[in-house]
């Protein structure tokens, strides 16, 4: 929690807006690559090329002296996060950027449900109503029976569930080890988890493709760092609504760069989900316990 006397809302809003730009840039690069690199291989290369950013985390990981239980939990998180990033790369090549971005907002909702089911967190009526409204927002985006629900949409639903499961595992570890250990172990376990899937579909990447995937790692790292600065500057109740700008950037980028039609229903559904997530965040801030992460925290 931020101290109200040291809170800098304008700075927090700036860094969270910058975070959104970085994560939309990640989405754009992966969209640009398309099916040129198989989803599992693209995800693997993104993590391998990003290992250079892991160097400062090696010392804290070695000093942590992780127990067998902690190693098991880190391994479990690596498994579900591996599934999440493969599904995300797969979906990105098949459905519009705006739909990927809007559906990614569902992860905090699944986390709230999972925390109630598996961690014993309370789910009061108002928060439950917010969860239901968020799921209605997802239906507005998908509109089953009105438009075709593609395999990319199913993949994004799976992505959000896997990211949520990974966060719930990380929550168990966050009070035991430092943030550097949590982030570093995620990078290591996901890189290992992706390796066999990448090997199974491997095609020799070109130098430009490797360059684009390194850019993905750079943008993702910059986004996570900026998000940390946003959290340090202002409370989640201030920065959370700013994440809706990601959908705005995604709609503009999809229309201008990739020629994707602007779907007002997707924007409306994303707004409904974002309003619900913001309400859940506010309620948890009032209860003085933060279970739901900011939306970008679930990104690759």
C-alpha atoms as a PDB file:
ATOM      1  CA  UNK A   1       0.000   0.000   0.000  1.00  0.00           C
ATOM      2  CA  UNK A   2       1.251   3.504  -0.801  1.00  0.00           C
ATOM      3  CA  UNK A   3       1.504   6.093   1.927  1.00  0.00           C
ATOM      4  CA  UNK A   4      -1.040   8.801   1.043  1.00  0.00           C
ATOM      5  CA  UNK A   5       1.534  11.442   1.933  1.00  0.00           C
ATOM      6  CA  UNK A   6       4.061  10.045  -0.580  1.00  0.00           C
ATOM      7  CA  UNK A   7       1.584   9.023  -3.283  1.00  0.00           C
ATOM      8  CA  UNK A   8       2.217  10.696  -6.647  1.00  0.00           C
ATOM      9  CA  UNK A   9      -0.882   9.961  -8.742  1.00  0.00           C
ATOM     10  CA  UNK A  10       0.218  11.875 -11.850  1.00  0.00           C
ATOM     11  CA  UNK A  11       3.536  10.008 -11.926  1.00  0.00           C
ATOM     12  CA  UNK A  12       1.755   6.700 -11.343  1.00  0.00           C
ATOM     13  CA  UNK A  13      -0.701   7.392 -14.170  1.00  0.00           C
ATOM     14  CA  UNK A  14       2.168   8.331 -16.507  1.00  0.00           C
ATOM     15  CA  UNK A  15       4.112   5.133 -15.823  1.00  0.00           C
ATOM     16  CA  UNK A  16       1.004   2.970 -16.132  1.00  0.00           C
ATOM     17  CA  UNK A  17       0.134   4.608 -19.461  1.00  0.00           C
ATOM     18  CA  UNK A  18       3.715   3.956 -20.613  1.00  0.00           C
ATOM     19  CA  UNK A  19       3.340   0.348 -19.438  1.00  0.00           C
ATOM     20  CA  UNK A  20       0.297  -0.005 -21.674  1.00  0.00           C
ATOM     21  CA  UNK A  21       2.219   1.301 -24.684  1.00  0.00           C
ATOM     22  CA  UNK A  22       5.012  -1.220 -24.063  1.00  0.00           C
ATOM     23  CA  UNK A  23       2.646  -4.169 -23.771  1.00  0.00           C
ATOM     24  CA  UNK A  24       0.726  -3.139 -26.877  1.00  0.00           C
ATOM     25  CA  UNK A  25       4.104  -2.955 -28.637  1.00  0.00           C
ATOM     26  CA  UNK A  26       4.708  -6.564 -27.545  1.00  0.00           C
ATOM     27  CA  UNK A  27       1.355  -7.510 -29.037  1.00  0.00           C
ATOM     28  CA  UNK A  28       2.092  -5.654 -32.270  1.00  0.00           C
ATOM     29  CA  UNK A  29       5.450  -7.345 -32.829  1.00  0.00           C
ATOM     30  CA  UNK A  30       4.010 -10.814 -32.204  1.00  0.00           C
ATOM     31  CA  UNK A  31       1.128  -9.978 -34.551  1.00  0.00           C
ATOM     32  CA  UNK A  32       3.645  -8.852 -37.174  1.00  0.00           C
ATOM     33  CA  UNK A  33       5.494 -12.167 -36.915  1.00  0.00           C
ATOM     34  CA  UNK A  34       2.210 -14.065 -37.345  1.00  0.00           C
ATOM     35  CA  UNK A  35       2.673 -17.740 -38.220  1.00  0.00           C
ATOM     36  CA  UNK A  36       6.195 -17.172 -39.533  1.00  0.00           C
ATOM     37  CA  UNK A  37       7.465 -18.719 -36.297  1.00  0.00           C
ATOM     38  CA  UNK A  38       5.346 -21.417 -34.563  1.00  0.00           C
ATOM     39  CA  UNK A  39       3.690 -20.218 -31.355  1.00  0.00           C
ATOM     40  CA  UNK A  40       5.681 -22.450 -28.990  1.00  0.00           C
ATOM     41  CA  UNK A  41       8.978 -21.620 -30.707  1.00  0.00           C
ATOM     42  CA  UNK A  42       8.242 -17.886 -30.739  1.00  0.00           C
ATOM     43  CA  UNK A  43       7.445 -17.953 -27.029  1.00  0.00           C
ATOM     44  CA  UNK A  44      10.616 -19.967 -26.307  1.00  0.00           C
ATOM     45  CA  UNK A  45      12.858 -17.599 -28.272  1.00  0.00           C
ATOM     46  CA  UNK A  46      11.265 -14.598 -26.552  1.00  0.00           C
ATOM     47  CA  UNK A  47      12.295 -16.049 -23.173  1.00  0.00           C
ATOM     48  CA  UNK A  48      15.737 -17.246 -24.285  1.00  0.00           C
ATOM     49  CA  UNK A  49      16.584 -13.845 -25.755  1.00  0.00           C
ATOM     50  CA  UNK A  50      15.268 -12.225 -22.589  1.00  0.00           C
ATOM     51  CA  UNK A  51      17.588 -14.224 -20.317  1.00  0.00           C
ATOM     52  CA  UNK A  52      20.102 -11.388 -20.633  1.00  0.00           C
ATOM     53  CA  UNK A  53      17.813  -9.416 -18.301  1.00  0.00           C
ATOM     54  CA  UNK A  54      18.032 -12.248 -15.770  1.00  0.00           C
ATOM     55  CA  UNK A  55      21.698 -11.656 -14.903  1.00  0.00           C
ATOM     56  CA  UNK A  56      21.041  -9.282 -11.936  1.00  0.00           C
ATOM     57  CA  UNK A  57      18.644 -11.862 -10.461  1.00  0.00           C
ATOM     58  CA  UNK A  58      21.097 -14.792 -10.339  1.00  0.00           C
ATOM     59  CA  UNK A  59      22.700 -13.776  -7.027  1.00  0.00           C
ATOM     60  CA  UNK A  60      19.372 -13.346  -5.138  1.00  0.00           C
ATOM     61  CA  UNK A  61      18.165 -16.723  -6.479  1.00  0.00           C
ATOM     62  CA  UNK A  62      21.301 -18.519  -5.291  1.00  0.00           C
ATOM     63  CA  UNK A  63      21.172 -16.747  -1.925  1.00  0.00           C
ATOM     64  CA  UNK A  64      17.498 -17.675  -1.378  1.00  0.00           C
ATOM     65  CA  UNK A  65      18.279 -21.375  -0.638  1.00  0.00           C
ATOM     66  CA  UNK A  66      14.893 -22.481  -1.903  1.00  0.00           C
ATOM     67  CA  UNK A  67      13.196 -25.397  -0.159  1.00  0.00           C
ATOM     68  CA  UNK A  68      11.788 -28.437  -1.965  1.00  0.00           C
ATOM     69  CA  UNK A  69       8.259 -27.065  -1.441  1.00  0.00           C
ATOM     70  CA  UNK A  70       9.222 -23.705  -2.939  1.00  0.00           C
ATOM     71  CA  UNK A  71      10.914 -25.386  -5.905  1.00  0.00           C
ATOM     72  CA  UNK A  72       7.752 -27.443  -6.462  1.00  0.00           C
ATOM     73  CA  UNK A  73       5.590 -24.312  -6.421  1.00  0.00           C
ATOM     74  CA  UNK A  74       7.945 -22.508  -8.788  1.00  0.00           C
ATOM     75  CA  UNK A  75       7.813 -25.545 -11.075  1.00  0.00           C
ATOM     76  CA  UNK A  76       4.002 -25.557 -10.976  1.00  0.00           C
ATOM     77  CA  UNK A  77       3.908 -21.874 -11.826  1.00  0.00           C
ATOM     78  CA  UNK A  78       6.322 -22.493 -14.684  1.00  0.00           C
ATOM     79  CA  UNK A  79       4.035 -25.196 -16.095  1.00  0.00           C
ATOM     80  CA  UNK A  80       0.870 -23.067 -16.133  1.00  0.00           C
ATOM     81  CA  UNK A  81       2.725 -19.971 -17.365  1.00  0.00           C
ATOM     82  CA  UNK A  82       4.261 -22.051 -20.158  1.00  0.00           C
ATOM     83  CA  UNK A  83       0.776 -23.019 -21.284  1.00  0.00           C
ATOM     84  CA  UNK A  84      -0.347 -19.398 -21.037  1.00  0.00           C
ATOM     85  CA  UNK A  85       2.362 -17.934 -23.252  1.00  0.00           C
ATOM     86  CA  UNK A  86       1.965 -20.655 -25.907  1.00  0.00           C
ATOM     87  CA  UNK A  87      -1.773 -20.003 -26.048  1.00  0.00           C
ATOM     88  CA  UNK A  88      -1.196 -16.235 -26.126  1.00  0.00           C
ATOM     89  CA  UNK A  89       1.244 -16.433 -29.056  1.00  0.00           C
ATOM     90  CA  UNK A  90      -1.185 -18.797 -30.819  1.00  0.00           C
ATOM     91  CA  UNK A  91      -4.166 -16.474 -30.319  1.00  0.00           C
ATOM     92  CA  UNK A  92      -2.222 -13.385 -31.345  1.00  0.00           C
ATOM     93  CA  UNK A  93      -1.714 -14.738 -34.868  1.00  0.00           C
ATOM     94  CA  UNK A  94      -5.418 -15.528 -35.310  1.00  0.00           C
ATOM     95  CA  UNK A  95      -7.668 -12.837 -33.845  1.00  0.00           C
ATOM     96  CA  UNK A  96      -7.544  -9.007 -33.843  1.00  0.00           C
ATOM     97  CA  UNK A  97      -5.227  -7.202 -31.425  1.00  0.00           C
ATOM     98  CA  UNK A  98      -8.173  -5.434 -29.766  1.00  0.00           C
ATOM     99  CA  UNK A  99      -9.865  -8.748 -28.940  1.00  0.00           C
ATOM    100  CA  UNK A 100      -6.662 -10.215 -27.474  1.00  0.00           C
ATOM    101  CA  UNK A 101      -6.201  -7.119 -25.323  1.00  0.00           C
ATOM    102  CA  UNK A 102      -9.820  -6.987 -24.144  1.00  0.00           C
ATOM    103  CA  UNK A 103      -9.943 -10.677 -23.267  1.00  0.00           C
ATOM    104  CA  UNK A 104      -6.680 -10.418 -21.347  1.00  0.00           C
ATOM    105  CA  UNK A 105      -8.551  -8.208 -18.856  1.00  0.00           C
ATOM    106  CA  UNK A 106     -10.304 -11.363 -17.623  1.00  0.00           C
ATOM    107  CA  UNK A 107      -7.254 -12.710 -15.769  1.00  0.00           C
ATOM    108  CA  UNK A 108      -7.814 -10.626 -12.604  1.00  0.00           C
ATOM    109  CA  UNK A 109     -11.431 -11.816 -12.557  1.00  0.00           C
ATOM    110  CA  UNK A 110     -10.336 -15.455 -12.671  1.00  0.00           C
ATOM    111  CA  UNK A 111      -7.820 -14.698  -9.915  1.00  0.00           C
ATOM    112  CA  UNK A 112     -10.609 -13.364  -7.704  1.00  0.00           C
ATOM    113  CA  UNK A 113     -12.625 -16.548  -8.321  1.00  0.00           C
ATOM    114  CA  UNK A 114      -9.591 -18.779  -7.741  1.00  0.00           C
ATOM    115  CA  UNK A 115      -8.639 -16.970  -4.537  1.00  0.00           C
ATOM    116  CA  UNK A 116     -12.136 -17.612  -3.205  1.00  0.00           C
ATOM    117  CA  UNK A 117     -12.164 -21.282  -4.233  1.00  0.00           C
ATOM    118  CA  UNK A 118      -8.616 -22.321  -3.312  1.00  0.00           C
ATOM    119  CA  UNK A 119      -7.161 -19.743  -0.919  1.00  0.00           C
ATOM    120  CA  UNK A 120     -10.199 -19.168   1.288  1.00  0.00           C
ATOM    121  CA  UNK A 121     -10.576 -15.500   0.299  1.00  0.00           C
ATOM    122  CA  UNK A 122     -14.010 -13.997   0.933  1.00  0.00           C
ATOM    123  CA  UNK A 123     -16.201 -13.189  -2.073  1.00  0.00           C
ATOM    124  CA  UNK A 124     -18.823 -10.716  -0.784  1.00  0.00           C
ATOM    125  CA  UNK A 125     -21.992 -10.109  -2.836  1.00  0.00           C
ATOM    126  CA  UNK A 126     -20.786  -6.839  -4.399  1.00  0.00           C
ATOM    127  CA  UNK A 127     -17.515  -8.409  -5.525  1.00  0.00           C
ATOM    128  CA  UNK A 128     -19.373 -11.468  -6.830  1.00  0.00           C
ATOM    129  CA  UNK A 129     -21.659  -9.141  -8.808  1.00  0.00           C
ATOM    130  CA  UNK A 130     -18.575  -7.456 -10.301  1.00  0.00           C
ATOM    131  CA  UNK A 131     -17.241 -10.872 -11.374  1.00  0.00           C
ATOM    132  CA  UNK A 132     -20.557 -11.715 -13.060  1.00  0.00           C
ATOM    133  CA  UNK A 133     -20.569  -8.346 -14.851  1.00  0.00           C
ATOM    134  CA  UNK A 134     -17.012  -8.966 -16.096  1.00  0.00           C
ATOM    135  CA  UNK A 135     -18.064 -12.333 -17.519  1.00  0.00           C
ATOM    136  CA  UNK A 136     -20.983 -10.585 -19.238  1.00  0.00           C
ATOM    137  CA  UNK A 137     -18.371  -8.252 -20.742  1.00  0.00           C
ATOM    138  CA  UNK A 138     -16.581 -11.318 -22.140  1.00  0.00           C
ATOM    139  CA  UNK A 139     -19.848 -12.502 -23.704  1.00  0.00           C
ATOM    140  CA  UNK A 140     -20.289  -9.057 -25.286  1.00  0.00           C
ATOM    141  CA  UNK A 141     -16.861  -9.451 -26.912  1.00  0.00           C
ATOM    142  CA  UNK A 142     -17.431 -13.028 -28.080  1.00  0.00           C
ATOM    143  CA  UNK A 143     -21.155 -12.713 -28.922  1.00  0.00           C
ATOM    144  CA  UNK A 144     -21.623 -16.478 -29.413  1.00  0.00           C
ATOM    145  CA  UNK A 145     -24.413 -17.197 -31.879  1.00  0.00           C
ATOM    146  CA  UNK A 146     -24.029 -13.747 -33.435  1.00  0.00           C
ATOM    147  CA  UNK A 147     -20.494 -14.122 -34.738  1.00  0.00           C
ATOM    148  CA  UNK A 148     -18.162 -17.092 -35.051  1.00  0.00           C
ATOM    149  CA  UNK A 149     -16.159 -17.930 -31.914  1.00  0.00           C
ATOM    150  CA  UNK A 150     -12.768 -18.784 -33.360  1.00  0.00           C
ATOM    151  CA  UNK A 151     -10.064 -21.028 -31.965  1.00  0.00           C
ATOM    152  CA  UNK A 152      -8.068 -17.883 -31.132  1.00  0.00           C
ATOM    153  CA  UNK A 153     -10.825 -16.774 -28.749  1.00  0.00           C
ATOM    154  CA  UNK A 154     -10.783 -20.167 -27.014  1.00  0.00           C
ATOM    155  CA  UNK A 155      -7.001 -19.888 -26.734  1.00  0.00           C
ATOM    156  CA  UNK A 156      -7.322 -16.466 -25.081  1.00  0.00           C
ATOM    157  CA  UNK A 157      -9.819 -17.808 -22.540  1.00  0.00           C
ATOM    158  CA  UNK A 158      -7.274 -20.516 -21.723  1.00  0.00           C
ATOM    159  CA  UNK A 159      -4.510 -17.907 -21.558  1.00  0.00           C
ATOM    160  CA  UNK A 160      -6.376 -15.865 -18.948  1.00  0.00           C
ATOM    161  CA  UNK A 161      -7.096 -18.959 -16.838  1.00  0.00           C
ATOM    162  CA  UNK A 162      -3.452 -20.103 -16.945  1.00  0.00           C
ATOM    163  CA  UNK A 163      -2.128 -16.638 -16.074  1.00  0.00           C
ATOM    164  CA  UNK A 164      -4.554 -16.488 -13.152  1.00  0.00           C
ATOM    165  CA  UNK A 165      -3.422 -19.891 -11.879  1.00  0.00           C
ATOM    166  CA  UNK A 166       0.205 -18.778 -12.115  1.00  0.00           C
ATOM    167  CA  UNK A 167      -0.505 -15.637 -10.132  1.00  0.00           C
ATOM    168  CA  UNK A 168      -2.242 -17.574  -7.371  1.00  0.00           C
ATOM    169  CA  UNK A 169       0.842 -19.795  -7.032  1.00  0.00           C
ATOM    170  CA  UNK A 170       3.081 -16.713  -7.021  1.00  0.00           C
ATOM    171  CA  UNK A 171       0.956 -15.221  -4.253  1.00  0.00           C
ATOM    172  CA  UNK A 172       1.869 -18.190  -2.050  1.00  0.00           C
ATOM    173  CA  UNK A 173       5.557 -17.474  -2.642  1.00  0.00           C
ATOM    174  CA  UNK A 174       5.579 -13.678  -2.540  1.00  0.00           C
ATOM    175  CA  UNK A 175       5.744 -13.536   1.243  1.00  0.00           C
ATOM    176  CA  UNK A 176       8.611 -16.032   1.390  1.00  0.00           C
ATOM    177  CA  UNK A 177      11.132 -14.809  -1.204  1.00  0.00           C
ATOM    178  CA  UNK A 178      12.028 -11.512  -2.846  1.00  0.00           C
ATOM    179  CA  UNK A 179      10.408 -10.168  -6.007  1.00  0.00           C
ATOM    180  CA  UNK A 180      13.698 -10.698  -7.882  1.00  0.00           C
ATOM    181  CA  UNK A 181      13.584 -14.422  -7.031  1.00  0.00           C
ATOM    182  CA  UNK A 182       9.927 -14.719  -8.087  1.00  0.00           C
ATOM    183  CA  UNK A 183      10.563 -13.014 -11.441  1.00  0.00           C
ATOM    184  CA  UNK A 184      13.872 -14.784 -12.053  1.00  0.00           C
ATOM    185  CA  UNK A 185      12.533 -18.253 -11.299  1.00  0.00           C
ATOM    186  CA  UNK A 186       9.578 -17.605 -13.601  1.00  0.00           C
ATOM    187  CA  UNK A 187      11.929 -16.808 -16.480  1.00  0.00           C
ATOM    188  CA  UNK A 188      14.017 -19.912 -15.826  1.00  0.00           C
ATOM    189  CA  UNK A 189      11.140 -22.364 -15.421  1.00  0.00           C
ATOM    190  CA  UNK A 190       9.189 -21.046 -18.407  1.00  0.00           C
ATOM    191  CA  UNK A 191      12.263 -21.183 -20.646  1.00  0.00           C
ATOM    192  CA  UNK A 192      12.793 -24.825 -19.630  1.00  0.00           C
ATOM    193  CA  UNK A 193       9.072 -25.596 -19.976  1.00  0.00           C
ATOM    194  CA  UNK A 194       8.875 -24.146 -23.479  1.00  0.00           C
ATOM    195  CA  UNK A 195      11.992 -25.936 -24.772  1.00  0.00           C
ATOM    196  CA  UNK A 196      10.415 -29.333 -25.655  1.00  0.00           C
ATOM    197  CA  UNK A 197       7.385 -27.687 -27.292  1.00  0.00           C
ATOM    198  CA  UNK A 198       9.661 -25.444 -29.344  1.00  0.00           C
ATOM    199  CA  UNK A 199      11.828 -28.409 -30.353  1.00  0.00           C
ATOM    200  CA  UNK A 200       8.766 -30.312 -31.573  1.00  0.00           C
ATOM    201  CA  UNK A 201       7.797 -27.579 -34.059  1.00  0.00           C
ATOM    202  CA  UNK A 202      11.219 -26.012 -34.694  1.00  0.00           C
ATOM    203  CA  UNK A 203      11.862 -24.124 -37.909  1.00  0.00           C
ATOM    204  CA  UNK A 204      15.087 -22.227 -38.460  1.00  0.00           C
ATOM    205  CA  UNK A 205      14.353 -18.551 -37.696  1.00  0.00           C
ATOM    206  CA  UNK A 206      15.755 -15.769 -39.820  1.00  0.00           C
ATOM    207  CA  UNK A 207      17.896 -13.003 -38.350  1.00  0.00           C
ATOM    208  CA  UNK A 208      15.058 -10.451 -38.712  1.00  0.00           C
ATOM    209  CA  UNK A 209      12.709 -12.800 -36.837  1.00  0.00           C
ATOM    210  CA  UNK A 210      15.261 -13.134 -34.017  1.00  0.00           C
ATOM    211  CA  UNK A 211      15.567  -9.359 -33.953  1.00  0.00           C
ATOM    212  CA  UNK A 212      11.794  -8.924 -33.654  1.00  0.00           C
ATOM    213  CA  UNK A 213      11.602 -11.488 -30.841  1.00  0.00           C
ATOM    214  CA  UNK A 214      14.416  -9.727 -28.983  1.00  0.00           C
ATOM    215  CA  UNK A 215      12.352  -6.555 -29.295  1.00  0.00           C
ATOM    216  CA  UNK A 216       9.456  -8.450 -27.692  1.00  0.00           C
ATOM    217  CA  UNK A 217      11.713  -9.265 -24.725  1.00  0.00           C
ATOM    218  CA  UNK A 218      12.857  -5.634 -24.492  1.00  0.00           C
ATOM    219  CA  UNK A 219       9.330  -4.219 -24.634  1.00  0.00           C
ATOM    220  CA  UNK A 220       8.042  -6.759 -22.101  1.00  0.00           C
ATOM    221  CA  UNK A 221      10.888  -6.027 -19.676  1.00  0.00           C
ATOM    222  CA  UNK A 222      10.408  -2.269 -20.050  1.00  0.00           C
ATOM    223  CA  UNK A 223       6.673  -2.723 -19.469  1.00  0.00           C
ATOM    224  CA  UNK A 224       7.146  -4.701 -16.267  1.00  0.00           C
ATOM    225  CA  UNK A 225       9.718  -2.192 -14.987  1.00  0.00           C
ATOM    226  CA  UNK A 226       7.446   0.776 -15.757  1.00  0.00           C
ATOM    227  CA  UNK A 227       4.566  -1.028 -14.055  1.00  0.00           C
ATOM    228  CA  UNK A 228       6.717  -1.421 -10.923  1.00  0.00           C
ATOM    229  CA  UNK A 229       7.414   2.333 -10.978  1.00  0.00           C
ATOM    230  CA  UNK A 230       3.676   2.985 -11.328  1.00  0.00           C
ATOM    231  CA  UNK A 231       2.891   0.790  -8.319  1.00  0.00           C
ATOM    232  CA  UNK A 232       5.563   2.588  -6.276  1.00  0.00           C
ATOM    233  CA  UNK A 233       4.192   6.019  -7.187  1.00  0.00           C
ATOM    234  CA  UNK A 234       0.441   5.520  -6.666  1.00  0.00           C
ATOM    235  CA  UNK A 235      -2.069   2.952  -5.351  1.00  0.00           C
ATOM    236  CA  UNK A 236      -3.772   0.427  -7.617  1.00  0.00           C
ATOM    237  CA  UNK A 237      -7.070   2.281  -7.300  1.00  0.00           C
ATOM    238  CA  UNK A 238      -5.402   5.136  -9.214  1.00  0.00           C
ATOM    239  CA  UNK A 239      -3.391   3.173 -11.766  1.00  0.00           C
ATOM    240  CA  UNK A 240      -5.817   0.308 -12.525  1.00  0.00           C
ATOM    241  CA  UNK A 241      -8.322   2.306 -14.648  1.00  0.00           C
ATOM    242  CA  UNK A 242      -5.434   3.618 -16.768  1.00  0.00           C
ATOM    243  CA  UNK A 243      -4.893   0.115 -18.113  1.00  0.00           C
ATOM    244  CA  UNK A 244      -8.027   0.592 -20.237  1.00  0.00           C
ATOM    245  CA  UNK A 245      -5.848   2.779 -22.463  1.00  0.00           C
ATOM    246  CA  UNK A 246      -4.202  -0.444 -23.643  1.00  0.00           C
ATOM    247  CA  UNK A 247      -7.426  -1.304 -25.434  1.00  0.00           C
ATOM    248  CA  UNK A 248      -7.531   2.152 -27.011  1.00  0.00           C
ATOM    249  CA  UNK A 249      -3.945   1.791 -28.281  1.00  0.00           C
ATOM    250  CA  UNK A 250      -4.712  -1.735 -29.491  1.00  0.00           C
ATOM    251  CA  UNK A 251      -7.795  -0.616 -31.449  1.00  0.00           C
ATOM    252  CA  UNK A 252      -5.864   2.233 -33.101  1.00  0.00           C
ATOM    253  CA  UNK A 253      -2.861   0.026 -33.879  1.00  0.00           C
ATOM    254  CA  UNK A 254      -5.013  -2.766 -35.286  1.00  0.00           C
ATOM    255  CA  UNK A 255      -6.913  -0.369 -37.538  1.00  0.00           C
ATOM    256  CA  UNK A 256      -3.977   1.758 -38.742  1.00  0.00           C
ATOM    257  CA  UNK A 257      -1.169  -0.806 -39.032  1.00  0.00           C
ATOM    258  CA  UNK A 258      -2.926  -4.143 -39.598  1.00  0.00           C
ATOM    259  CA  UNK A 259      -6.145  -2.969 -41.269  1.00  0.00           C
ATOM    260  CA  UNK A 260      -8.383  -4.613 -38.648  1.00  0.00           C
ATOM    261  CA  UNK A 261     -11.951  -3.237 -38.488  1.00  0.00           C
ATOM    262  CA  UNK A 262     -12.891  -1.310 -35.347  1.00  0.00           C
ATOM    263  CA  UNK A 263     -15.490  -3.380 -33.478  1.00  0.00           C
ATOM    264  CA  UNK A 264     -17.478  -1.196 -31.091  1.00  0.00           C
ATOM    265  CA  UNK A 265     -18.774  -4.277 -29.258  1.00  0.00           C
ATOM    266  CA  UNK A 266     -15.210  -5.332 -28.406  1.00  0.00           C
ATOM    267  CA  UNK A 267     -14.459  -1.865 -27.006  1.00  0.00           C
ATOM    268  CA  UNK A 268     -17.721  -1.868 -25.040  1.00  0.00           C
ATOM    269  CA  UNK A 269     -17.111  -5.380 -23.688  1.00  0.00           C
ATOM    270  CA  UNK A 270     -13.559  -4.433 -22.715  1.00  0.00           C
ATOM    271  CA  UNK A 271     -14.859  -1.339 -20.923  1.00  0.00           C
ATOM    272  CA  UNK A 272     -17.364  -3.461 -18.976  1.00  0.00           C
ATOM    273  CA  UNK A 273     -14.617  -5.879 -17.903  1.00  0.00           C
ATOM    274  CA  UNK A 274     -12.253  -3.032 -17.007  1.00  0.00           C
ATOM    275  CA  UNK A 275     -14.918  -1.293 -14.907  1.00  0.00           C
ATOM    276  CA  UNK A 276     -15.552  -4.539 -13.072  1.00  0.00           C
ATOM    277  CA  UNK A 277     -11.832  -5.147 -12.433  1.00  0.00           C
ATOM    278  CA  UNK A 278     -11.426  -1.573 -11.174  1.00  0.00           C
ATOM    279  CA  UNK A 279     -14.325  -2.071  -8.760  1.00  0.00           C
ATOM    280  CA  UNK A 280     -12.814  -5.338  -7.482  1.00  0.00           C
ATOM    281  CA  UNK A 281      -9.469  -3.587  -7.002  1.00  0.00           C
ATOM    282  CA  UNK A 282     -11.122  -0.738  -5.107  1.00  0.00           C
ATOM    283  CA  UNK A 283     -13.015  -3.150  -2.835  1.00  0.00           C
ATOM    284  CA  UNK A 284      -9.814  -5.029  -2.048  1.00  0.00           C
ATOM    285  CA  UNK A 285      -8.038  -1.745  -1.310  1.00  0.00           C
ATOM    286  CA  UNK A 286     -10.847  -0.861   1.096  1.00  0.00           C
ATOM    287  CA  UNK A 287     -10.438  -4.278   2.714  1.00  0.00           C
ATOM    288  CA  UNK A 288      -6.666  -3.558   2.904  1.00  0.00           C
ATOM    289  CA  UNK A 289      -5.607  -6.682   1.071  1.00  0.00           C
ATOM    290  CA  UNK A 290      -4.598  -6.835  -2.568  1.00  0.00           C
ATOM    291  CA  UNK A 291      -5.383 -10.138  -4.277  1.00  0.00           C
ATOM    292  CA  UNK A 292      -6.163  -8.935  -7.766  1.00  0.00           C
ATOM    293  CA  UNK A 293      -3.124  -7.785  -9.777  1.00  0.00           C
ATOM    294  CA  UNK A 294      -3.192  -4.990 -12.276  1.00  0.00           C
ATOM    295  CA  UNK A 295      -4.154  -6.181 -15.743  1.00  0.00           C
ATOM    296  CA  UNK A 296      -0.675  -5.808 -17.299  1.00  0.00           C
ATOM    297  CA  UNK A 297       0.820  -7.993 -14.561  1.00  0.00           C
ATOM    298  CA  UNK A 298      -0.496 -11.015 -16.403  1.00  0.00           C
ATOM    299  CA  UNK A 299       1.270 -10.251 -19.649  1.00  0.00           C
ATOM    300  CA  UNK A 300       4.139 -12.245 -21.237  1.00  0.00           C
END
